[in-house]
Amino acid sequence: METLNLPSIVRKTLAIIMGGGAGTRLYPLTKDRSKPAVPLGGKYRLVDIPISNCLNSGLRRIYVLTQFNSTSLHRHINASYQFDHFSKSFVEILAAQQTPEGSQWYQGTADAVRQNLRYFLEDPAYEYFVILSGDQLYRMDYTDLLTTHIASKADITMATIPVAREAAIEFGIMESDAEYRITRFVEKPKDPAVLESLRLSPALLERLQLPKNSELYQASMGIYVFNRKVLEECLDNDFVDFGKHIIPAAIKERRVTAHIFQGYWEDIGTIRAFYEANLKLTDLVPEYSFFETNSPIYTHRRFLPATKINGAMVRQAIISDGCIITDCSLERTVIGIRSIINSGSTVRHSFIMGSDFYETAPPPGLPAMGIGKNCVIDRAIIDKNARIGDGAVITPEGKPLNMDGDNFFVRDGIVVIPKGGVIAAGRWI
């Protein structure tokens, strides 16, 4: 195999991050913000993951496409990703807009790229386009993906990940030959016979150094590399989505190759997936860690004071900057920036997102921002700027898996207090 000039390839590559649609499955976390702007791990945002993967891979020309509730995402990206004036590096947002060519919202991932294609093709230096999702938790060196793409002389390369049978029915599943060329794609296969026919072959399992009897399937990660001309031609139609339309059509007439990724990857598309991904960060040795010094995750620098703990029992917790925690109990919990937790409170198996600012005094008639005294919070997500009054109890116990309540929601068995939500003193949810 010829040696590839990776610095040259990286300079010829543009990254495009899909900001997602309305994010209905993450509601109410997406009530006032776009999906990529949802807080993650105490001090980050979902969009920081693909952007940081790009920067750590040397890709420094990045567009983020969005259309719903994009104000907080604009604010975060403008504050977080600033480059010098003497390079071509940028992270820019392209929101849906009316133009002489059209005035529609993005109808899907492919339509979003099509509507902005003129910006992507302005610079003739771009030969490769890496298209990424904005709501996944993983760490990947995209130069490996580009190497696979160029070495296999592919028109399109898709990142795939081996998944077990029970998970396969929720993904687009690929079938590829021993040389990784994709020959078939089935969206969320339910038929047992079809599913059986899509299993990773013994030859592929051996190449991946996996047990030969493994019942695994190649799931699409929603990550693609396109050659410039191929992207133009694939979008010269009215197809609206890459996974549902563009890729299945391309497999029939183009060389589409799989890049099989074997690291940690989580699609954060639902409240349950979001909740579990955050709580797993508190594990003693988490599958995904923010402590990787060689590939850090970047975010907004806030210059907050160190967290102050005035007595607490803490077991498996992540505590972010600028918190004040007093005589409370924390168990398997993620505590976001500027969180205030008062004496006698117990927080377990929860994600407290914290606050956007410190307040000197609460408005008349409202509890102070943060968690009051003697509260119990169990299996919950408390969004930013929430006010939980003294003695409040928040738990999904005895409630249906999904319901809308008075200033609270239950999704997938998790109680969610929305951004700015107020729970009165003594209230039991």
Foldseek 3Di string as FASTA:
>chain_A
DDDDPLVLLLVQEEEEEEQDAQLVQAPPQSVQATQQQRDFQFEFGLQLQVVLLCVLLVNQHYEYEEEGNHPSVQVWQVQFDDDDPPDPGDYYYDYQAADPVGGDHQPEDLSRCVVCVCVVPVDVSHFKYKYHYSFKHDHDNCSLVVCLCVVVVFQKEFEWEKDAPVCQLQFWFFAADLSQWTQAIDGNDDDPVVLQVQFHALSNCVVVVHDSPGRITIGTNRIMMHGPVSSVVLSPDPDRYCRPPSVRVCSVPTGYGYDYDYADMFRPSHPVSRLVVRLLQLDPDRSDYQPPPSRHRTTRDDPAAAEDEQDEAEAREAADGQEYHYQEYEESEYHHHNAYADHQEYAYSEYENEEPDADPDDDPPAAHFHHEHNEYHYQEYEDYREGHAAQEYHALPPHDQWDDDDQWTHHNRHIYRHHNGGHYHNHYD
